[in-house]
Amino acid sequence: MGTDHAQTPGGLGITVGYFRDADALAQWRSNAEHRAAQRRGQAEWYQSHTLHVAKVERSHEFTRAQVPQNPKAG
C-alpha cells in the first residue's frame, strides 16, 4: 500500500491510495482503525468527499534532473 496527497492553500485536497490487489483493498476497507478514522473525518473534518476505485493499466513517472547552478552566471 502507498499513498500520495496534495492540498491547496484553501483546503481542497486529494489523496490517492495504492493497493497490491482487490483483496488488500478489501482488508483496508474493513480495518477497524480505518473505519474509526472515516467516522471521525465525516463528523469533524470533511464537508464532503468522493471515492473513486480504479485499476491502473499503465503508469509513467518523470523527474527533471537538477541542473547545477553556476555561481559565475549572471
PDB file of N, CA and C in Angstrom:
ATOM      1  N   MET A   1       0.844  -1.179   0.000  1.00  0.00           N
ATOM      2  CA  MET A   1       0.000   0.000   0.000  1.00  0.00           C
ATOM      3  C   MET A   1       0.879   1.228   0.000  1.00  0.00           C
ATOM      4  N   GLY A   2       0.404   2.265  -0.622  1.00  0.00           N
ATOM      5  CA  GLY A   2       1.085   3.543  -0.623  1.00  0.00           C
ATOM      6  C   GLY A   2       0.067   4.642  -0.865  1.00  0.00           C
ATOM      7  N   THR A   3       0.456   5.871  -0.601  1.00  0.00           N
ATOM      8  CA  THR A   3      -0.442   6.994  -0.823  1.00  0.00           C
ATOM      9  C   THR A   3       0.317   8.193  -1.360  1.00  0.00           C
ATOM     10  N   ASP A   4      -0.404   9.040  -2.081  1.00  0.00           N
ATOM     11  CA  ASP A   4       0.051  10.361  -2.495  1.00  0.00           C
ATOM     12  C   ASP A   4      -1.022  11.335  -2.048  1.00  0.00           C
ATOM     13  N   HIS A   5      -0.614  12.544  -1.643  1.00  0.00           N
ATOM     14  CA  HIS A   5      -1.581  13.539  -1.180  1.00  0.00           C
ATOM     15  C   HIS A   5      -1.141  14.923  -1.638  1.00  0.00           C
ATOM     16  N   ALA A   6      -2.107  15.741  -2.014  1.00  0.00           N
ATOM     17  CA  ALA A   6      -1.851  17.141  -2.357  1.00  0.00           C
ATOM     18  C   ALA A   6      -3.004  17.972  -1.826  1.00  0.00           C
ATOM     19  N   GLN A   7      -2.706  19.209  -1.435  1.00  0.00           N
ATOM     20  CA  GLN A   7      -3.747  20.081  -0.890  1.00  0.00           C
ATOM     21  C   GLN A   7      -3.472  21.520  -1.293  1.00  0.00           C
ATOM     22  N   THR A   8      -4.536  22.251  -1.640  1.00  0.00           N
ATOM     23  CA  THR A   8      -4.414  23.664  -1.971  1.00  0.00           C
ATOM     24  C   THR A   8      -4.367  24.474  -0.684  1.00  0.00           C
ATOM     25  N   PRO A   9      -3.869  25.717  -0.748  1.00  0.00           N
ATOM     26  CA  PRO A   9      -3.893  26.570   0.442  1.00  0.00           C
ATOM     27  C   PRO A   9      -5.307  26.766   0.994  1.00  0.00           C
ATOM     28  N   GLY A  10      -6.317  26.668   0.115  1.00  0.00           N
ATOM     29  CA  GLY A  10      -7.704  26.814   0.549  1.00  0.00           C
ATOM     30  C   GLY A  10      -8.296  25.578   1.189  1.00  0.00           C
ATOM     31  N   GLY A  11      -7.552  24.483   1.205  1.00  0.00           N
ATOM     32  CA  GLY A  11      -8.016  23.287   1.885  1.00  0.00           C
ATOM     33  C   GLY A  11      -8.544  22.178   0.998  1.00  0.00           C
ATOM     34  N   LEU A  12      -8.647  22.410  -0.321  1.00  0.00           N
ATOM     35  CA  LEU A  12      -9.096  21.351  -1.217  1.00  0.00           C
ATOM     36  C   LEU A  12      -7.964  20.341  -1.355  1.00  0.00           C
ATOM     37  N   GLY A  13      -8.256  19.087  -1.115  1.00  0.00           N
ATOM     38  CA  GLY A  13      -7.204  18.082  -1.151  1.00  0.00           C
ATOM     39  C   GLY A  13      -7.603  16.843  -1.917  1.00  0.00           C
ATOM     40  N   ILE A  14      -6.589  16.083  -2.293  1.00  0.00           N
ATOM     41  CA  ILE A  14      -6.798  14.799  -2.933  1.00  0.00           C
ATOM     42  C   ILE A  14      -5.782  13.821  -2.347  1.00  0.00           C
ATOM     43  N   THR A  15      -6.254  12.637  -2.053  1.00  0.00           N
ATOM     44  CA  THR A  15      -5.377  11.559  -1.610  1.00  0.00           C
ATOM     45  C   THR A  15      -5.618  10.369  -2.517  1.00  0.00           C
ATOM     46  N   VAL A  16      -4.545   9.779  -3.001  1.00  0.00           N
ATOM     47  CA  VAL A  16      -4.625   8.598  -3.853  1.00  0.00           C
ATOM     48  C   VAL A  16      -3.972   7.457  -3.098  1.00  0.00           C
ATOM     49  N   GLY A  17      -4.713   6.371  -2.914  1.00  0.00           N
ATOM     50  CA  GLY A  17      -4.187   5.194  -2.244  1.00  0.00           C
ATOM     51  C   GLY A  17      -3.927   4.091  -3.258  1.00  0.00           C
ATOM     52  N   TYR A  18      -2.830   3.373  -3.071  1.00  0.00           N
ATOM     53  CA  TYR A  18      -2.451   2.295  -3.968  1.00  0.00           C
ATOM     54  C   TYR A  18      -2.438   0.981  -3.189  1.00  0.00           C
ATOM     55  N   PHE A  19      -3.021  -0.055  -3.766  1.00  0.00           N
ATOM     56  CA  PHE A  19      -3.092  -1.366  -3.131  1.00  0.00           C
ATOM     57  C   PHE A  19      -2.611  -2.423  -4.104  1.00  0.00           C
ATOM     58  N   ARG A  20      -1.983  -3.484  -3.593  1.00  0.00           N
ATOM     59  CA  ARG A  20      -1.399  -4.507  -4.472  1.00  0.00           C
ATOM     60  C   ARG A  20      -2.468  -5.273  -5.244  1.00  0.00           C
ATOM     61  N   ASP A  21      -3.686  -5.415  -4.658  1.00  0.00           N
ATOM     62  CA  ASP A  21      -4.765  -6.127  -5.339  1.00  0.00           C
ATOM     63  C   ASP A  21      -6.088  -5.833  -4.629  1.00  0.00           C
ATOM     64  N   ALA A  22      -7.172  -6.403  -5.170  1.00  0.00           N
ATOM     65  CA  ALA A  22      -8.509  -6.152  -4.622  1.00  0.00           C
ATOM     66  C   ALA A  22      -8.649  -6.681  -3.194  1.00  0.00           C
ATOM     67  N   ASP A  23      -7.983  -7.781  -2.869  1.00  0.00           N
ATOM     68  CA  ASP A  23      -8.052  -8.312  -1.501  1.00  0.00           C
ATOM     69  C   ASP A  23      -7.423  -7.347  -0.502  1.00  0.00           C
ATOM     70  N   ALA A  24      -6.299  -6.730  -0.872  1.00  0.00           N
ATOM     71  CA  ALA A  24      -5.654  -5.755   0.021  1.00  0.00           C
ATOM     72  C   ALA A  24      -6.562  -4.553   0.238  1.00  0.00           C
ATOM     73  N   LEU A  25      -7.248  -4.111  -0.797  1.00  0.00           N
ATOM     74  CA  LEU A  25      -8.197  -3.008  -0.662  1.00  0.00           C
ATOM     75  C   LEU A  25      -9.341  -3.396   0.266  1.00  0.00           C
ATOM     76  N   ALA A  26      -9.876  -4.587   0.114  1.00  0.00           N
ATOM     77  CA  ALA A  26     -10.975  -5.055   0.968  1.00  0.00           C
ATOM     78  C   ALA A  26     -10.536  -5.128   2.434  1.00  0.00           C
ATOM     79  N   GLN A  27      -9.314  -5.586   2.682  1.00  0.00           N
ATOM     80  CA  GLN A  27      -8.810  -5.643   4.059  1.00  0.00           C
ATOM     81  C   GLN A  27      -8.712  -4.251   4.654  1.00  0.00           C
ATOM     82  N   TRP A  28      -8.222  -3.288   3.890  1.00  0.00           N
ATOM     83  CA  TRP A  28      -8.102  -1.914   4.375  1.00  0.00           C
ATOM     84  C   TRP A  28      -9.475  -1.318   4.665  1.00  0.00           C
ATOM     85  N   ARG A  29     -10.436  -1.563   3.760  1.00  0.00           N
ATOM     86  CA  ARG A  29     -11.800  -1.038   3.942  1.00  0.00           C
ATOM     87  C   ARG A  29     -12.441  -1.549   5.210  1.00  0.00           C
ATOM     88  N   SER A  30     -12.144  -2.786   5.596  1.00  0.00           N
ATOM     89  CA  SER A  30     -12.792  -3.375   6.776  1.00  0.00           C
ATOM     90  C   SER A  30     -11.959  -3.220   8.055  1.00  0.00           C
ATOM     91  N   ASN A  31     -10.787  -2.606   7.965  1.00  0.00           N
ATOM     92  CA  ASN A  31      -9.923  -2.406   9.126  1.00  0.00           C
ATOM     93  C   ASN A  31     -10.612  -1.498  10.148  1.00  0.00           C
ATOM     94  N   ALA A  32     -10.687  -1.939  11.411  1.00  0.00           N
ATOM     95  CA  ALA A  32     -11.407  -1.198  12.456  1.00  0.00           C
ATOM     96  C   ALA A  32     -10.832   0.197  12.673  1.00  0.00           C
ATOM     97  N   GLU A  33      -9.517   0.331  12.651  1.00  0.00           N
ATOM     98  CA  GLU A  33      -8.883   1.648  12.851  1.00  0.00           C
ATOM     99  C   GLU A  33      -9.231   2.589  11.686  1.00  0.00           C
ATOM    100  N   HIS A  34      -9.230   2.061  10.475  1.00  0.00           N
ATOM    101  CA  HIS A  34      -9.598   2.863   9.315  1.00  0.00           C
ATOM    102  C   HIS A  34     -11.066   3.273   9.382  1.00  0.00           C
ATOM    103  N   ARG A  35     -11.937   2.358   9.768  1.00  0.00           N
ATOM    104  CA  ARG A  35     -13.371   2.690   9.883  1.00  0.00           C
ATOM    105  C   ARG A  35     -13.599   3.787  10.911  1.00  0.00           C
ATOM    106  N   ALA A  36     -12.872   3.735  12.032  1.00  0.00           N
ATOM    107  CA  ALA A  36     -12.996   4.778  13.061  1.00  0.00           C
ATOM    108  C   ALA A  36     -12.511   6.124  12.510  1.00  0.00           C
ATOM    109  N   ALA A  37     -11.416   6.109  11.748  1.00  0.00           N
ATOM    110  CA  ALA A  37     -10.902   7.347  11.150  1.00  0.00           C
ATOM    111  C   ALA A  37     -11.910   7.918  10.148  1.00  0.00           C
ATOM    112  N   GLN A  38     -12.572   7.057   9.383  1.00  0.00           N
ATOM    113  CA  GLN A  38     -13.605   7.515   8.451  1.00  0.00           C
ATOM    114  C   GLN A  38     -14.733   8.222   9.196  1.00  0.00           C
ATOM    115  N   ARG A  39     -15.211   7.601  10.263  1.00  0.00           N
ATOM    116  CA  ARG A  39     -16.304   8.203  11.034  1.00  0.00           C
ATOM    117  C   ARG A  39     -15.887   9.549  11.605  1.00  0.00           C
ATOM    118  N   ARG A  40     -14.667   9.636  12.128  1.00  0.00           N
ATOM    119  CA  ARG A  40     -14.194  10.902  12.698  1.00  0.00           C
ATOM    120  C   ARG A  40     -14.057  11.959  11.594  1.00  0.00           C
ATOM    121  N   GLY A  41     -13.526  11.571  10.449  1.00  0.00           N
ATOM    122  CA  GLY A  41     -13.384  12.515   9.337  1.00  0.00           C
ATOM    123  C   GLY A  41     -14.724  13.070   8.897  1.00  0.00           C
ATOM    124  N   GLN A  42     -15.719  12.208   8.790  1.00  0.00           N
ATOM    125  CA  GLN A  42     -17.050  12.651   8.371  1.00  0.00           C
ATOM    126  C   GLN A  42     -17.711  13.523   9.428  1.00  0.00           C
ATOM    127  N   ALA A  43     -17.425  13.275  10.690  1.00  0.00           N
ATOM    128  CA  ALA A  43     -18.037  14.041  11.770  1.00  0.00           C
ATOM    129  C   ALA A  43     -17.330  15.372  12.023  1.00  0.00           C
ATOM    130  N   GLU A  44     -15.992  15.410  11.826  1.00  0.00           N
ATOM    131  CA  GLU A  44     -15.231  16.574  12.268  1.00  0.00           C
ATOM    132  C   GLU A  44     -14.518  17.359  11.167  1.00  0.00           C
ATOM    133  N   TRP A  45     -14.077  16.705  10.098  1.00  0.00           N
ATOM    134  CA  TRP A  45     -13.177  17.381   9.168  1.00  0.00           C
ATOM    135  C   TRP A  45     -13.782  17.690   7.815  1.00  0.00           C
ATOM    136  N   TYR A  46     -14.503  16.759   7.236  1.00  0.00           N
ATOM    137  CA  TYR A  46     -14.914  16.887   5.844  1.00  0.00           C
ATOM    138  C   TYR A  46     -16.365  17.326   5.710  1.00  0.00           C
ATOM    139  N   GLN A  47     -16.600  18.267   4.784  1.00  0.00           N
ATOM    140  CA  GLN A  47     -17.972  18.607   4.430  1.00  0.00           C
ATOM    141  C   GLN A  47     -18.490  17.618   3.399  1.00  0.00           C
ATOM    142  N   SER A  48     -17.600  17.149   2.553  1.00  0.00           N
ATOM    143  CA  SER A  48     -17.970  16.161   1.545  1.00  0.00           C
ATOM    144  C   SER A  48     -16.708  15.436   1.099  1.00  0.00           C
ATOM    145  N   HIS A  49     -16.893  14.305   0.482  1.00  0.00           N
ATOM    146  CA  HIS A  49     -15.782  13.590  -0.133  1.00  0.00           C
ATOM    147  C   HIS A  49     -16.330  12.677  -1.224  1.00  0.00           C
ATOM    148  N   THR A  50     -15.469  12.324  -2.150  1.00  0.00           N
ATOM    149  CA  THR A  50     -15.820  11.427  -3.234  1.00  0.00           C
ATOM    150  C   THR A  50     -14.781  10.331  -3.286  1.00  0.00           C
ATOM    151  N   LEU A  51     -15.204   9.119  -3.514  1.00  0.00           N
ATOM    152  CA  LEU A  51     -14.312   7.973  -3.614  1.00  0.00           C
ATOM    153  C   LEU A  51     -14.425   7.390  -5.012  1.00  0.00           C
ATOM    154  N   HIS A  52     -13.282   7.191  -5.647  1.00  0.00           N
ATOM    155  CA  HIS A  52     -13.226   6.522  -6.946  1.00  0.00           C
ATOM    156  C   HIS A  52     -12.317   5.306  -6.782  1.00  0.00           C
ATOM    157  N   VAL A  53     -12.739   4.170  -7.274  1.00  0.00           N
ATOM    158  CA  VAL A  53     -11.906   2.973  -7.274  1.00  0.00           C
ATOM    159  C   VAL A  53     -11.598   2.673  -8.734  1.00  0.00           C
ATOM    160  N   ALA A  54     -10.315   2.566  -9.036  1.00  0.00           N
ATOM    161  CA  ALA A  54      -9.897   2.353 -10.426  1.00  0.00           C
ATOM    162  C   ALA A  54      -8.693   1.429 -10.466  1.00  0.00           C
ATOM    163  N   LYS A  55      -8.512   0.812 -11.601  1.00  0.00           N
ATOM    164  CA  LYS A  55      -7.372  -0.060 -11.824  1.00  0.00           C
ATOM    165  C   LYS A  55      -6.371   0.675 -12.714  1.00  0.00           C
ATOM    166  N   VAL A  56      -5.125   0.724 -12.299  1.00  0.00           N
ATOM    167  CA  VAL A  56      -4.084   1.381 -13.086  1.00  0.00           C
ATOM    168  C   VAL A  56      -3.612   0.404 -14.154  1.00  0.00           C
ATOM    169  N   GLU A  57      -3.781   0.793 -15.384  1.00  0.00           N
ATOM    170  CA  GLU A  57      -3.363  -0.045 -16.503  1.00  0.00           C
ATOM    171  C   GLU A  57      -1.919   0.231 -16.897  1.00  0.00           C
ATOM    172  N   ARG A  58      -1.481   1.453 -16.703  1.00  0.00           N
ATOM    173  CA  ARG A  58      -0.128   1.866 -17.071  1.00  0.00           C
ATOM    174  C   ARG A  58       0.254   3.055 -16.214  1.00  0.00           C
ATOM    175  N   SER A  59       1.521   3.167 -15.895  1.00  0.00           N
ATOM    176  CA  SER A  59       1.990   4.280 -15.086  1.00  0.00           C
ATOM    177  C   SER A  59       3.317   4.775 -15.642  1.00  0.00           C
ATOM    178  N   HIS A  60       3.534   6.071 -15.598  1.00  0.00           N
ATOM    179  CA  HIS A  60       4.768   6.683 -16.090  1.00  0.00           C
ATOM    180  C   HIS A  60       5.162   7.782 -15.120  1.00  0.00           C
ATOM    181  N   GLU A  61       6.441   7.920 -14.883  1.00  0.00           N
ATOM    182  CA  GLU A  61       6.932   8.959 -13.974  1.00  0.00           C
ATOM    183  C   GLU A  61       8.043   9.733 -14.660  1.00  0.00           C
ATOM    184  N   PHE A  62       8.092  11.030 -14.429  1.00  0.00           N
ATOM    185  CA  PHE A  62       9.126  11.902 -14.958  1.00  0.00           C
ATOM    186  C   PHE A  62       9.708  12.700 -13.806  1.00  0.00           C
ATOM    187  N   THR A  63      11.009  12.789 -13.745  1.00  0.00           N
ATOM    188  CA  THR A  63      11.681  13.633 -12.752  1.00  0.00           C
ATOM    189  C   THR A  63      12.718  14.462 -13.486  1.00  0.00           C
ATOM    190  N   ARG A  64      12.596  15.769 -13.388  1.00  0.00           N
ATOM    191  CA  ARG A  64      13.548  16.673 -14.029  1.00  0.00           C
ATOM    192  C   ARG A  64      14.880  16.591 -13.301  1.00  0.00           C
ATOM    193  N   ALA A  65      15.956  16.455 -14.058  1.00  0.00           N
ATOM    194  CA  ALA A  65      17.300  16.401 -13.466  1.00  0.00           C
ATOM    195  C   ALA A  65      17.639  17.778 -12.899  1.00  0.00           C
ATOM    196  N   GLN A  66      18.317  17.780 -11.788  1.00  0.00           N
ATOM    197  CA  GLN A  66      18.771  19.021 -11.180  1.00  0.00           C
ATOM    198  C   GLN A  66      19.938  19.576 -11.999  1.00  0.00           C
ATOM    199  N   VAL A  67      19.853  20.839 -12.368  1.00  0.00           N
ATOM    200  CA  VAL A  67      20.928  21.481 -13.112  1.00  0.00           C
ATOM    201  C   VAL A  67      21.794  22.235 -12.113  1.00  0.00           C
ATOM    202  N   PRO A  68      23.095  21.936 -12.061  1.00  0.00           N
ATOM    203  CA  PRO A  68      23.953  22.657 -11.123  1.00  0.00           C
ATOM    204  C   PRO A  68      23.954  24.144 -11.432  1.00  0.00           C
ATOM    205  N   GLN A  69      23.882  24.951 -10.394  1.00  0.00           N
ATOM    206  CA  GLN A  69      23.896  26.398 -10.577  1.00  0.00           C
ATOM    207  C   GLN A  69      25.320  26.876 -10.723  1.00  0.00           C
ATOM    208  N   ASN A  70      25.537  27.735 -11.698  1.00  0.00           N
ATOM    209  CA  ASN A  70      26.850  28.294 -11.941  1.00  0.00           C
ATOM    210  C   ASN A  70      26.953  29.625 -11.191  1.00  0.00           C
ATOM    211  N   PRO A  71      27.795  29.717 -10.165  1.00  0.00           N
ATOM    212  CA  PRO A  71      27.876  30.954  -9.401  1.00  0.00           C
ATOM    213  C   PRO A  71      28.363  32.144 -10.219  1.00  0.00           C
ATOM    214  N   LYS A  72      29.013  31.901 -11.380  1.00  0.00           N
ATOM    215  CA  LYS A  72      29.520  32.985 -12.215  1.00  0.00           C
ATOM    216  C   LYS A  72      28.483  33.466 -13.213  1.00  0.00           C
ATOM    217  N   ALA A  73      27.384  32.699 -13.377  1.00  0.00           N
ATOM    218  CA  ALA A  73      26.351  33.091 -14.328  1.00  0.00           C
ATOM    219  C   ALA A  73      25.628  34.313 -13.795  1.00  0.00           C
ATOM    220  N   GLY A  74      25.202  35.142 -14.692  1.00  0.00           N
ATOM    221  CA  GLY A  74      24.702  36.363 -14.237  1.00  0.00           C
ATOM    222  C   GLY A  74      23.405  36.829 -14.466  1.00  0.00           C
TER     223      GLY A  74
END
